[in-house]
Amino acid sequence: MAIYMDEYRTTKICPQCGSLRINWIAGGIAGPVYKCEECNYVGVFVLEVKLKDLEKFQKEIREGRK
């Protein structure tokens, strides 16, 4: 199969600062809870982006915080 799977690989990033240092800290009925090691964001909402679009998303998040 000639499809490159890297085009479809994703990663989770912090919705507040765009960091990749987002860790799962708890789970429950509402779903997983994540904590960002960079900005201390805690919440159930994280962004899952394609690796090829990662820099674009991080740039947009950082520019939006200004």
PDB file of N, CA and C in Angstrom:
ATOM      1  N   MET A   1       0.854  -1.182   0.000  1.00  0.00           N
ATOM      2  CA  MET A   1       0.000   0.000   0.000  1.00  0.00           C
ATOM      3  C   MET A   1       0.896   1.239   0.000  1.00  0.00           C
ATOM      4  N   ALA A   2       0.633   2.165  -0.883  1.00  0.00           N
ATOM      5  CA  ALA A   2       1.509   3.320  -1.070  1.00  0.00           C
ATOM      6  C   ALA A   2       1.065   4.552  -0.296  1.00  0.00           C
ATOM      7  N   ILE A   3       0.119   4.407   0.614  1.00  0.00           N
ATOM      8  CA  ILE A   3      -0.350   5.556   1.392  1.00  0.00           C
ATOM      9  C   ILE A   3       0.620   5.778   2.544  1.00  0.00           C
ATOM     10  N   TYR A   4       1.062   7.019   2.710  1.00  0.00           N
ATOM     11  CA  TYR A   4       1.965   7.345   3.799  1.00  0.00           C
ATOM     12  C   TYR A   4       1.151   7.690   5.035  1.00  0.00           C
ATOM     13  N   MET A   5       1.276   6.891   6.067  1.00  0.00           N
ATOM     14  CA  MET A   5       0.481   7.074   7.273  1.00  0.00           C
ATOM     15  C   MET A   5       0.877   8.328   8.045  1.00  0.00           C
ATOM     16  N   ASP A   6       2.069   8.872   7.803  1.00  0.00           N
ATOM     17  CA  ASP A   6       2.484  10.081   8.507  1.00  0.00           C
ATOM     18  C   ASP A   6       1.536  11.246   8.242  1.00  0.00           C
ATOM     19  N   GLU A   7       0.877  11.250   7.109  1.00  0.00           N
ATOM     20  CA  GLU A   7      -0.072  12.312   6.803  1.00  0.00           C
ATOM     21  C   GLU A   7      -1.261  12.296   7.751  1.00  0.00           C
ATOM     22  N   TYR A   8      -1.526  11.159   8.366  1.00  0.00           N
ATOM     23  CA  TYR A   8      -2.694  10.998   9.221  1.00  0.00           C
ATOM     24  C   TYR A   8      -2.364  10.923  10.705  1.00  0.00           C
ATOM     25  N   ARG A   9      -1.086  10.952  11.062  1.00  0.00           N
ATOM     26  CA  ARG A   9      -0.688  10.882  12.474  1.00  0.00           C
ATOM     27  C   ARG A   9      -1.080  12.161  13.179  1.00  0.00           C
ATOM     28  N   THR A  10      -1.548  12.021  14.402  1.00  0.00           N
ATOM     29  CA  THR A  10      -1.999  13.181  15.167  1.00  0.00           C
ATOM     30  C   THR A  10      -1.311  13.224  16.528  1.00  0.00           C
ATOM     31  N   THR A  11      -1.408  14.383  17.163  1.00  0.00           N
ATOM     32  CA  THR A  11      -0.910  14.561  18.510  1.00  0.00           C
ATOM     33  C   THR A  11      -1.842  15.501  19.248  1.00  0.00           C
ATOM     34  N   LYS A  12      -1.821  15.433  20.553  1.00  0.00           N
ATOM     35  CA  LYS A  12      -2.646  16.315  21.380  1.00  0.00           C
ATOM     36  C   LYS A  12      -1.814  17.516  21.790  1.00  0.00           C
ATOM     37  N   ILE A  13      -2.437  18.712  21.750  1.00  0.00           N
ATOM     38  CA  ILE A  13      -1.759  19.922  22.196  1.00  0.00           C
ATOM     39  C   ILE A  13      -2.675  20.713  23.123  1.00  0.00           C
ATOM     40  N   CYS A  14      -2.059  21.542  23.943  1.00  0.00           N
ATOM     41  CA  CYS A  14      -2.793  22.377  24.879  1.00  0.00           C
ATOM     42  C   CYS A  14      -3.563  23.453  24.118  1.00  0.00           C
ATOM     43  N   PRO A  15      -4.846  23.643  24.419  1.00  0.00           N
ATOM     44  CA  PRO A  15      -5.626  24.675  23.730  1.00  0.00           C
ATOM     45  C   PRO A  15      -5.287  26.088  24.201  1.00  0.00           C
ATOM     46  N   GLN A  16      -4.594  26.201  25.314  1.00  0.00           N
ATOM     47  CA  GLN A  16      -4.280  27.509  25.874  1.00  0.00           C
ATOM     48  C   GLN A  16      -2.935  28.042  25.375  1.00  0.00           C
ATOM     49  N   CYS A  17      -1.908  27.172  25.317  1.00  0.00           N
ATOM     50  CA  CYS A  17      -0.578  27.657  24.932  1.00  0.00           C
ATOM     51  C   CYS A  17       0.015  26.932  23.729  1.00  0.00           C
ATOM     52  N   GLY A  18      -0.590  25.833  23.298  1.00  0.00           N
ATOM     53  CA  GLY A  18      -0.096  25.094  22.139  1.00  0.00           C
ATOM     54  C   GLY A  18       1.009  24.098  22.448  1.00  0.00           C
ATOM     55  N   SER A  19       1.306  23.871  23.702  1.00  0.00           N
ATOM     56  CA  SER A  19       2.384  22.971  24.102  1.00  0.00           C
ATOM     57  C   SER A  19       2.040  21.510  23.830  1.00  0.00           C
ATOM     58  N   LEU A  20       3.078  20.743  23.553  1.00  0.00           N
ATOM     59  CA  LEU A  20       2.929  19.291  23.415  1.00  0.00           C
ATOM     60  C   LEU A  20       3.020  18.596  24.759  1.00  0.00           C
ATOM     61  N   ARG A  21       3.394  19.314  25.790  1.00  0.00           N
ATOM     62  CA  ARG A  21       3.581  18.732  27.129  1.00  0.00           C
ATOM     63  C   ARG A  21       2.246  18.661  27.872  1.00  0.00           C
ATOM     64  N   ILE A  22       1.302  17.948  27.296  1.00  0.00           N
ATOM     65  CA  ILE A  22      -0.032  17.794  27.871  1.00  0.00           C
ATOM     66  C   ILE A  22      -0.164  16.340  28.326  1.00  0.00           C
ATOM     67  N   ASN A  23      -0.528  16.149  29.578  1.00  0.00           N
ATOM     68  CA  ASN A  23      -0.586  14.816  30.157  1.00  0.00           C
ATOM     69  C   ASN A  23      -1.976  14.497  30.674  1.00  0.00           C
ATOM     70  N   TRP A  24      -2.350  13.235  30.527  1.00  0.00           N
ATOM     71  CA  TRP A  24      -3.601  12.720  31.079  1.00  0.00           C
ATOM     72  C   TRP A  24      -3.384  12.558  32.582  1.00  0.00           C
ATOM     73  N   ILE A  25      -4.271  13.179  33.404  1.00  0.00           N
ATOM     74  CA  ILE A  25      -4.092  13.080  34.856  1.00  0.00           C
ATOM     75  C   ILE A  25      -5.217  12.338  35.556  1.00  0.00           C
ATOM     76  N   ALA A  26      -6.378  12.260  34.953  1.00  0.00           N
ATOM     77  CA  ALA A  26      -7.502  11.573  35.585  1.00  0.00           C
ATOM     78  C   ALA A  26      -8.528  11.215  34.524  1.00  0.00           C
ATOM     79  N   GLY A  27      -9.407  10.318  34.887  1.00  0.00           N
ATOM     80  CA  GLY A  27     -10.490   9.937  33.995  1.00  0.00           C
ATOM     81  C   GLY A  27     -11.719   9.639  34.819  1.00  0.00           C
ATOM     82  N   GLY A  28     -12.833   9.695  34.189  1.00  0.00           N
ATOM     83  CA  GLY A  28     -14.060   9.429  34.912  1.00  0.00           C
ATOM     84  C   GLY A  28     -15.232   9.391  33.965  1.00  0.00           C
ATOM     85  N   ILE A  29     -16.401   9.638  34.496  1.00  0.00           N
ATOM     86  CA  ILE A  29     -17.614   9.609  33.689  1.00  0.00           C
ATOM     87  C   ILE A  29     -17.562  10.648  32.577  1.00  0.00           C
ATOM     88  N   ALA A  30     -17.032  11.828  32.872  1.00  0.00           N
ATOM     89  CA  ALA A  30     -16.970  12.901  31.886  1.00  0.00           C
ATOM     90  C   ALA A  30     -15.848  12.713  30.878  1.00  0.00           C
ATOM     91  N   GLY A  31     -14.973  11.761  31.113  1.00  0.00           N
ATOM     92  CA  GLY A  31     -13.863  11.528  30.198  1.00  0.00           C
ATOM     93  C   GLY A  31     -12.543  11.917  30.826  1.00  0.00           C
ATOM     94  N   PRO A  32     -11.472  11.888  30.028  1.00  0.00           N
ATOM     95  CA  PRO A  32     -10.148  12.186  30.567  1.00  0.00           C
ATOM     96  C   PRO A  32      -9.978  13.658  30.924  1.00  0.00           C
ATOM     97  N   VAL A  33      -9.144  13.898  31.916  1.00  0.00           N
ATOM     98  CA  VAL A  33      -8.780  15.257  32.313  1.00  0.00           C
ATOM     99  C   VAL A  33      -7.284  15.399  32.041  1.00  0.00           C
ATOM    100  N   TYR A  34      -6.908  16.489  31.393  1.00  0.00           N
ATOM    101  CA  TYR A  34      -5.528  16.724  31.004  1.00  0.00           C
ATOM    102  C   TYR A  34      -4.941  17.912  31.749  1.00  0.00           C
ATOM    103  N   LYS A  35      -3.610  17.902  31.906  1.00  0.00           N
ATOM    104  CA  LYS A  35      -2.902  19.028  32.505  1.00  0.00           C
ATOM    105  C   LYS A  35      -1.713  19.366  31.625  1.00  0.00           C
ATOM    106  N   CYS A  36      -1.541  20.661  31.340  1.00  0.00           N
ATOM    107  CA  CYS A  36      -0.412  21.140  30.571  1.00  0.00           C
ATOM    108  C   CYS A  36       0.737  21.477  31.518  1.00  0.00           C
ATOM    109  N   GLU A  37       1.911  20.953  31.232  1.00  0.00           N
ATOM    110  CA  GLU A  37       3.080  21.201  32.070  1.00  0.00           C
ATOM    111  C   GLU A  37       3.678  22.584  31.828  1.00  0.00           C
ATOM    112  N   GLU A  38       3.323  23.242  30.730  1.00  0.00           N
ATOM    113  CA  GLU A  38       3.848  24.570  30.411  1.00  0.00           C
ATOM    114  C   GLU A  38       3.056  25.689  31.093  1.00  0.00           C
ATOM    115  N   CYS A  39       1.737  25.673  30.930  1.00  0.00           N
ATOM    116  CA  CYS A  39       0.918  26.792  31.417  1.00  0.00           C
ATOM    117  C   CYS A  39      -0.031  26.403  32.553  1.00  0.00           C
ATOM    118  N   ASN A  40       0.007  25.139  32.984  1.00  0.00           N
ATOM    119  CA  ASN A  40      -0.830  24.612  34.068  1.00  0.00           C
ATOM    120  C   ASN A  40      -2.313  24.574  33.733  1.00  0.00           C
ATOM    121  N   TYR A  41      -2.669  24.588  32.451  1.00  0.00           N
ATOM    122  CA  TYR A  41      -4.064  24.396  32.043  1.00  0.00           C
ATOM    123  C   TYR A  41      -4.523  23.024  32.520  1.00  0.00           C
ATOM    124  N   VAL A  42      -5.719  22.948  33.080  1.00  0.00           N
ATOM    125  CA  VAL A  42      -6.330  21.681  33.463  1.00  0.00           C
ATOM    126  C   VAL A  42      -7.739  21.669  32.881  1.00  0.00           C
ATOM    127  N   GLY A  43      -8.073  20.623  32.152  1.00  0.00           N
ATOM    128  CA  GLY A  43      -9.401  20.528  31.586  1.00  0.00           C
ATOM    129  C   GLY A  43      -9.588  19.285  30.743  1.00  0.00           C
ATOM    130  N   VAL A  44     -10.797  19.099  30.272  1.00  0.00           N
ATOM    131  CA  VAL A  44     -11.125  17.931  29.455  1.00  0.00           C
ATOM    132  C   VAL A  44     -10.919  18.211  27.974  1.00  0.00           C
ATOM    133  N   PHE A  45     -10.795  19.475  27.614  1.00  0.00           N
ATOM    134  CA  PHE A  45     -10.678  19.859  26.209  1.00  0.00           C
ATOM    135  C   PHE A  45      -9.209  20.008  25.826  1.00  0.00           C
ATOM    136  N   VAL A  46      -8.767  19.250  24.833  1.00  0.00           N
ATOM    137  CA  VAL A  46      -7.448  19.415  24.231  1.00  0.00           C
ATOM    138  C   VAL A  46      -7.632  19.364  22.720  1.00  0.00           C
ATOM    139  N   LEU A  47      -6.675  19.903  22.003  1.00  0.00           N
ATOM    140  CA  LEU A  47      -6.728  19.866  20.547  1.00  0.00           C
ATOM    141  C   LEU A  47      -5.955  18.657  20.048  1.00  0.00           C
ATOM    142  N   GLU A  48      -6.502  17.963  19.084  1.00  0.00           N
ATOM    143  CA  GLU A  48      -5.801  16.865  18.438  1.00  0.00           C
ATOM    144  C   GLU A  48      -5.589  17.282  16.991  1.00  0.00           C
ATOM    145  N   VAL A  49      -4.338  17.492  16.627  1.00  0.00           N
ATOM    146  CA  VAL A  49      -4.019  18.017  15.301  1.00  0.00           C
ATOM    147  C   VAL A  49      -3.096  17.060  14.554  1.00  0.00           C
ATOM    148  N   LYS A  50      -3.146  17.146  13.237  1.00  0.00           N
ATOM    149  CA  LYS A  50      -2.236  16.355  12.419  1.00  0.00           C
ATOM    150  C   LYS A  50      -0.828  16.912  12.597  1.00  0.00           C
ATOM    151  N   LEU A  51       0.148  16.024  12.617  1.00  0.00           N
ATOM    152  CA  LEU A  51       1.536  16.449  12.811  1.00  0.00           C
ATOM    153  C   LEU A  51       1.980  17.434  11.741  1.00  0.00           C
ATOM    154  N   LYS A  52       1.486  17.268  10.512  1.00  0.00           N
ATOM    155  CA  LYS A  52       1.891  18.175   9.441  1.00  0.00           C
ATOM    156  C   LYS A  52       1.341  19.589   9.656  1.00  0.00           C
ATOM    157  N   ASP A  53       0.292  19.751  10.461  1.00  0.00           N
ATOM    158  CA  ASP A  53      -0.307  21.060  10.727  1.00  0.00           C
ATOM    159  C   ASP A  53       0.068  21.621  12.096  1.00  0.00           C
ATOM    160  N   LEU A  54       0.926  20.942  12.826  1.00  0.00           N
ATOM    161  CA  LEU A  54       1.246  21.309  14.201  1.00  0.00           C
ATOM    162  C   LEU A  54       1.775  22.732  14.336  1.00  0.00           C
ATOM    163  N   GLU A  55       2.773  23.101  13.552  1.00  0.00           N
ATOM    164  CA  GLU A  55       3.364  24.437  13.664  1.00  0.00           C
ATOM    165  C   GLU A  55       2.343  25.528  13.372  1.00  0.00           C
ATOM    166  N   LYS A  56       1.463  25.297  12.407  1.00  0.00           N
ATOM    167  CA  LYS A  56       0.435  26.277  12.061  1.00  0.00           C
ATOM    168  C   LYS A  56      -0.512  26.507  13.245  1.00  0.00           C
ATOM    169  N   PHE A  57      -0.945  25.438  13.896  1.00  0.00           N
ATOM    170  CA  PHE A  57      -1.842  25.563  15.041  1.00  0.00           C
ATOM    171  C   PHE A  57      -1.158  26.259  16.213  1.00  0.00           C
ATOM    172  N   GLN A  58       0.092  25.879  16.486  1.00  0.00           N
ATOM    173  CA  GLN A  58       0.819  26.503  17.586  1.00  0.00           C
ATOM    174  C   GLN A  58       0.997  28.000  17.342  1.00  0.00           C
ATOM    175  N   LYS A  59       1.291  28.384  16.124  1.00  0.00           N
ATOM    176  CA  LYS A  59       1.459  29.806  15.786  1.00  0.00           C
ATOM    177  C   LYS A  59       0.145  30.562  15.982  1.00  0.00           C
ATOM    178  N   GLU A  60      -0.959  29.991  15.541  1.00  0.00           N
ATOM    179  CA  GLU A  60      -2.266  30.643  15.687  1.00  0.00           C
ATOM    180  C   GLU A  60      -2.641  30.806  17.159  1.00  0.00           C
ATOM    181  N   ILE A  61      -2.345  29.806  17.973  1.00  0.00           N
ATOM    182  CA  ILE A  61      -2.662  29.892  19.413  1.00  0.00           C
ATOM    183  C   ILE A  61      -1.824  30.990  20.059  1.00  0.00           C
ATOM    184  N   ARG A  62      -0.533  31.025  19.757  1.00  0.00           N
ATOM    185  CA  ARG A  62       0.339  32.037  20.357  1.00  0.00           C
ATOM    186  C   ARG A  62      -0.041  33.442  19.917  1.00  0.00           C
ATOM    187  N   GLU A  63      -0.399  33.626  18.655  1.00  0.00           N
ATOM    188  CA  GLU A  63      -0.807  34.944  18.173  1.00  0.00           C
ATOM    189  C   GLU A  63      -2.137  35.367  18.765  1.00  0.00           C
ATOM    190  N   GLY A  64      -3.006  34.418  19.042  1.00  0.00           N
ATOM    191  CA  GLY A  64      -4.300  34.730  19.636  1.00  0.00           C
ATOM    192  C   GLY A  64      -4.218  35.149  21.097  1.00  0.00           C
ATOM    193  N   ARG A  65      -3.124  34.798  21.757  1.00  0.00           N
ATOM    194  CA  ARG A  65      -2.959  35.137  23.172  1.00  0.00           C
ATOM    195  C   ARG A  65      -2.453  36.556  23.375  1.00  0.00           C
ATOM    196  N   LYS A  66      -2.009  37.220  22.311  1.00  0.00           N
ATOM    197  CA  LYS A  66      -1.458  38.580  22.424  1.00  0.00           C
ATOM    198  C   LYS A  66      -2.534  39.612  22.618  1.00  0.00           C
TER     199      LYS A  66
END
